[in-house]
Amino acid sequence: MKCRICKEDIRESPDLINLCRYKGGPTHLGCCTNSCSWDQAPCRHSSGVFQKV
């Protein structure tokens, strides 16, 4: 499974997973807050933030 922003494998990163309605799938939380957010928090397109088990 790849991040919809950076295209890197989500399973290889220690970052949390953000489910983004705008990008249409999973993103790294860091990619979301660094690339799409003005206030360094998940933006309004975020459906939820999940931790990998």
PDB file of N, CA and C in Angstrom:
ATOM      1  N   MET A   1       0.844  -1.163   0.000  1.00  0.00           N
ATOM      2  CA  MET A   1       0.000   0.000   0.000  1.00  0.00           C
ATOM      3  C   MET A   1       0.900   1.241   0.000  1.00  0.00           C
ATOM      4  N   LYS A   2       0.641   2.167  -0.892  1.00  0.00           N
ATOM      5  CA  LYS A   2       1.471   3.356  -1.074  1.00  0.00           C
ATOM      6  C   LYS A   2       0.748   4.614  -0.575  1.00  0.00           C
ATOM      7  N   CYS A   3       1.530   5.546  -0.059  1.00  0.00           N
ATOM      8  CA  CYS A   3       1.021   6.854   0.339  1.00  0.00           C
ATOM      9  C   CYS A   3       0.589   7.597  -0.925  1.00  0.00           C
ATOM     10  N   ARG A   4      -0.579   8.213  -0.894  1.00  0.00           N
ATOM     11  CA  ARG A   4      -1.101   8.928  -2.065  1.00  0.00           C
ATOM     12  C   ARG A   4      -0.401  10.262  -2.306  1.00  0.00           C
ATOM     13  N   ILE A   5       0.467  10.678  -1.386  1.00  0.00           N
ATOM     14  CA  ILE A   5       1.188  11.942  -1.573  1.00  0.00           C
ATOM     15  C   ILE A   5       2.625  11.683  -2.007  1.00  0.00           C
ATOM     16  N   CYS A   6       3.378  10.884  -1.236  1.00  0.00           N
ATOM     17  CA  CYS A   6       4.799  10.677  -1.544  1.00  0.00           C
ATOM     18  C   CYS A   6       5.067   9.401  -2.338  1.00  0.00           C
ATOM     19  N   LYS A   7       4.065   8.547  -2.468  1.00  0.00           N
ATOM     20  CA  LYS A   7       4.149   7.293  -3.236  1.00  0.00           C
ATOM     21  C   LYS A   7       5.066   6.242  -2.601  1.00  0.00           C
ATOM     22  N   GLU A   8       5.485   6.454  -1.342  1.00  0.00           N
ATOM     23  CA  GLU A   8       6.307   5.471  -0.627  1.00  0.00           C
ATOM     24  C   GLU A   8       5.413   4.440   0.050  1.00  0.00           C
ATOM     25  N   ASP A   9       5.971   3.270   0.334  1.00  0.00           N
ATOM     26  CA  ASP A   9       5.223   2.189   0.974  1.00  0.00           C
ATOM     27  C   ASP A   9       4.870   2.579   2.410  1.00  0.00           C
ATOM     28  N   ILE A  10       3.612   2.512   2.734  1.00  0.00           N
ATOM     29  CA  ILE A  10       3.148   2.890   4.077  1.00  0.00           C
ATOM     30  C   ILE A  10       3.638   1.900   5.130  1.00  0.00           C
ATOM     31  N   ARG A  11       3.752   0.629   4.783  1.00  0.00           N
ATOM     32  CA  ARG A  11       4.165  -0.390   5.759  1.00  0.00           C
ATOM     33  C   ARG A  11       5.604  -0.223   6.209  1.00  0.00           C
ATOM     34  N   GLU A  12       6.440   0.456   5.421  1.00  0.00           N
ATOM     35  CA  GLU A  12       7.861   0.623   5.760  1.00  0.00           C
ATOM     36  C   GLU A  12       8.114   1.812   6.683  1.00  0.00           C
ATOM     37  N   SER A  13       7.150   2.671   6.859  1.00  0.00           N
ATOM     38  CA  SER A  13       7.326   3.895   7.646  1.00  0.00           C
ATOM     39  C   SER A  13       6.746   3.734   9.049  1.00  0.00           C
ATOM     40  N   PRO A  14       7.369   4.352  10.046  1.00  0.00           N
ATOM     41  CA  PRO A  14       6.807   4.311  11.402  1.00  0.00           C
ATOM     42  C   PRO A  14       5.678   5.326  11.598  1.00  0.00           C
ATOM     43  N   ASP A  15       5.400   6.135  10.583  1.00  0.00           N
ATOM     44  CA  ASP A  15       4.402   7.196  10.683  1.00  0.00           C
ATOM     45  C   ASP A  15       2.991   6.626  10.802  1.00  0.00           C
ATOM     46  N   LEU A  16       2.086   7.413  11.396  1.00  0.00           N
ATOM     47  CA  LEU A  16       0.671   7.042  11.466  1.00  0.00           C
ATOM     48  C   LEU A  16       0.044   7.146  10.076  1.00  0.00           C
ATOM     49  N   ILE A  17      -1.086   6.499   9.890  1.00  0.00           N
ATOM     50  CA  ILE A  17      -1.777   6.495   8.605  1.00  0.00           C
ATOM     51  C   ILE A  17      -2.982   7.415   8.677  1.00  0.00           C
ATOM     52  N   ASN A  18      -3.086   8.291   7.698  1.00  0.00           N
ATOM     53  CA  ASN A  18      -4.229   9.196   7.579  1.00  0.00           C
ATOM     54  C   ASN A  18      -5.062   8.727   6.387  1.00  0.00           C
ATOM     55  N   LEU A  19      -6.361   8.604   6.572  1.00  0.00           N
ATOM     56  CA  LEU A  19      -7.244   8.247   5.472  1.00  0.00           C
ATOM     57  C   LEU A  19      -7.817   9.546   4.909  1.00  0.00           C
ATOM     58  N   CYS A  20      -7.453   9.862   3.667  1.00  0.00           N
ATOM     59  CA  CYS A  20      -7.774  11.154   3.075  1.00  0.00           C
ATOM     60  C   CYS A  20      -8.848  11.030   2.000  1.00  0.00           C
ATOM     61  N   ARG A  21      -9.938  11.779   2.173  1.00  0.00           N
ATOM     62  CA  ARG A  21     -11.007  11.779   1.167  1.00  0.00           C
ATOM     63  C   ARG A  21     -10.574  12.520  -0.096  1.00  0.00           C
ATOM     64  N   TYR A  22      -9.742  13.541   0.016  1.00  0.00           N
ATOM     65  CA  TYR A  22      -9.308  14.327  -1.135  1.00  0.00           C
ATOM     66  C   TYR A  22      -8.365  13.516  -2.029  1.00  0.00           C
ATOM     67  N   LYS A  23      -7.387  12.853  -1.417  1.00  0.00           N
ATOM     68  CA  LYS A  23      -6.427  12.038  -2.178  1.00  0.00           C
ATOM     69  C   LYS A  23      -6.986  10.668  -2.529  1.00  0.00           C
ATOM     70  N   GLY A  24      -8.115  10.293  -1.932  1.00  0.00           N
ATOM     71  CA  GLY A  24      -8.770   9.035  -2.275  1.00  0.00           C
ATOM     72  C   GLY A  24      -8.090   7.801  -1.729  1.00  0.00           C
ATOM     73  N   GLY A  25      -7.502   7.908  -0.547  1.00  0.00           N
ATOM     74  CA  GLY A  25      -6.876   6.742   0.055  1.00  0.00           C
ATOM     75  C   GLY A  25      -5.939   7.105   1.185  1.00  0.00           C
ATOM     76  N   PRO A  26      -5.050   6.180   1.532  1.00  0.00           N
ATOM     77  CA  PRO A  26      -4.172   6.381   2.679  1.00  0.00           C
ATOM     78  C   PRO A  26      -2.995   7.300   2.368  1.00  0.00           C
ATOM     79  N   THR A  27      -2.613   8.074   3.374  1.00  0.00           N
ATOM     80  CA  THR A  27      -1.403   8.895   3.303  1.00  0.00           C
ATOM     81  C   THR A  27      -0.669   8.770   4.634  1.00  0.00           C
ATOM     82  N   HIS A  28       0.618   9.067   4.620  1.00  0.00           N
ATOM     83  CA  HIS A  28       1.336   9.196   5.885  1.00  0.00           C
ATOM     84  C   HIS A  28       0.803  10.443   6.574  1.00  0.00           C
ATOM     85  N   LEU A  29       0.677  10.418   7.868  1.00  0.00           N
ATOM     86  CA  LEU A  29       0.221  11.593   8.598  1.00  0.00           C
ATOM     87  C   LEU A  29       1.185  12.759   8.378  1.00  0.00           C
ATOM     88  N   GLY A  30       2.465  12.476   8.351  1.00  0.00           N
ATOM     89  CA  GLY A  30       3.463  13.528   8.114  1.00  0.00           C
ATOM     90  C   GLY A  30       3.321  14.161   6.742  1.00  0.00           C
ATOM     91  N   CYS A  31       3.030  13.369   5.730  1.00  0.00           N
ATOM     92  CA  CYS A  31       2.829  13.915   4.381  1.00  0.00           C
ATOM     93  C   CYS A  31       1.601  14.814   4.365  1.00  0.00           C
ATOM     94  N   CYS A  32       0.552  14.400   5.055  1.00  0.00           N
ATOM     95  CA  CYS A  32      -0.675  15.203   5.125  1.00  0.00           C
ATOM     96  C   CYS A  32      -0.399  16.542   5.799  1.00  0.00           C
ATOM     97  N   THR A  33       0.217  16.520   6.959  1.00  0.00           N
ATOM     98  CA  THR A  33       0.422  17.760   7.706  1.00  0.00           C
ATOM     99  C   THR A  33       1.469  18.650   7.052  1.00  0.00           C
ATOM    100  N   ASN A  34       2.457  18.070   6.376  1.00  0.00           N
ATOM    101  CA  ASN A  34       3.500  18.875   5.737  1.00  0.00           C
ATOM    102  C   ASN A  34       3.103  19.383   4.360  1.00  0.00           C
ATOM    103  N   SER A  35       2.268  18.655   3.633  1.00  0.00           N
ATOM    104  CA  SER A  35       1.951  19.016   2.254  1.00  0.00           C
ATOM    105  C   SER A  35       0.586  19.648   2.063  1.00  0.00           C
ATOM    106  N   CYS A  36      -0.368  19.289   2.876  1.00  0.00           N
ATOM    107  CA  CYS A  36      -1.749  19.705   2.631  1.00  0.00           C
ATOM    108  C   CYS A  36      -2.350  20.585   3.712  1.00  0.00           C
ATOM    109  N   SER A  37      -1.711  20.683   4.853  1.00  0.00           N
ATOM    110  CA  SER A  37      -2.309  21.376   5.994  1.00  0.00           C
ATOM    111  C   SER A  37      -1.642  22.724   6.233  1.00  0.00           C
ATOM    112  N   TRP A  38      -2.434  23.714   6.592  1.00  0.00           N
ATOM    113  CA  TRP A  38      -1.908  25.038   6.926  1.00  0.00           C
ATOM    114  C   TRP A  38      -1.482  25.111   8.390  1.00  0.00           C
ATOM    115  N   ASP A  39      -2.097  24.290   9.247  1.00  0.00           N
ATOM    116  CA  ASP A  39      -1.850  24.413  10.688  1.00  0.00           C
ATOM    117  C   ASP A  39      -1.148  23.195  11.292  1.00  0.00           C
ATOM    118  N   GLN A  40      -0.507  22.378  10.457  1.00  0.00           N
ATOM    119  CA  GLN A  40       0.247  21.195  10.901  1.00  0.00           C
ATOM    120  C   GLN A  40      -0.620  20.180  11.629  1.00  0.00           C
ATOM    121  N   ALA A  41      -1.892  20.101  11.274  1.00  0.00           N
ATOM    122  CA  ALA A  41      -2.832  19.107  11.791  1.00  0.00           C
ATOM    123  C   ALA A  41      -3.545  18.494  10.589  1.00  0.00           C
ATOM    124  N   PRO A  42      -4.111  17.303  10.728  1.00  0.00           N
ATOM    125  CA  PRO A  42      -4.845  16.732   9.598  1.00  0.00           C
ATOM    126  C   PRO A  42      -5.919  17.707   9.111  1.00  0.00           C
ATOM    127  N   CYS A  43      -6.015  17.867   7.806  1.00  0.00           N
ATOM    128  CA  CYS A  43      -6.945  18.837   7.238  1.00  0.00           C
ATOM    129  C   CYS A  43      -8.380  18.314   7.258  1.00  0.00           C
ATOM    130  N   ARG A  44      -9.289  19.099   6.724  1.00  0.00           N
ATOM    131  CA  ARG A  44     -10.717  18.757   6.753  1.00  0.00           C
ATOM    132  C   ARG A  44     -11.062  17.553   5.891  1.00  0.00           C
ATOM    133  N   HIS A  45     -10.145  17.122   5.032  1.00  0.00           N
ATOM    134  CA  HIS A  45     -10.382  15.947   4.197  1.00  0.00           C
ATOM    135  C   HIS A  45     -10.066  14.634   4.916  1.00  0.00           C
ATOM    136  N   SER A  46      -9.512  14.714   6.099  1.00  0.00           N
ATOM    137  CA  SER A  46      -9.132  13.523   6.853  1.00  0.00           C
ATOM    138  C   SER A  46     -10.366  12.782   7.378  1.00  0.00           C
ATOM    139  N   SER A  47     -10.446  11.499   7.034  1.00  0.00           N
ATOM    140  CA  SER A  47     -11.540  10.664   7.546  1.00  0.00           C
ATOM    141  C   SER A  47     -11.168  10.019   8.870  1.00  0.00           C
ATOM    142  N   GLY A  48      -9.890   9.971   9.163  1.00  0.00           N
ATOM    143  CA  GLY A  48      -9.428   9.375  10.407  1.00  0.00           C
ATOM    144  C   GLY A  48      -7.935   9.118  10.364  1.00  0.00           C
ATOM    145  N   VAL A  49      -7.335   9.030  11.533  1.00  0.00           N
ATOM    146  CA  VAL A  49      -5.914   8.738  11.679  1.00  0.00           C
ATOM    147  C   VAL A  49      -5.794   7.413  12.414  1.00  0.00           C
ATOM    148  N   PHE A  50      -4.980   6.515  11.863  1.00  0.00           N
ATOM    149  CA  PHE A  50      -4.871   5.167  12.398  1.00  0.00           C
ATOM    150  C   PHE A  50      -3.425   4.821  12.707  1.00  0.00           C
ATOM    151  N   GLN A  51      -3.240   3.996  13.720  1.00  0.00           N
ATOM    152  CA  GLN A  51      -1.923   3.503  14.095  1.00  0.00           C
ATOM    153  C   GLN A  51      -1.770   2.091  13.568  1.00  0.00           C
ATOM    154  N   LYS A  52      -0.594   1.803  13.010  1.00  0.00           N
ATOM    155  CA  LYS A  52      -0.334   0.443  12.520  1.00  0.00           C
ATOM    156  C   LYS A  52      -0.113  -0.496  13.699  1.00  0.00           C
ATOM    157  N   VAL A  53      -0.535  -1.731  13.558  1.00  0.00           N
ATOM    158  CA  VAL A  53      -0.375  -2.711  14.620  1.00  0.00           C
ATOM    159  C   VAL A  53       0.759  -3.650  14.301  1.00  0.00           C
TER     160      VAL A  53
END
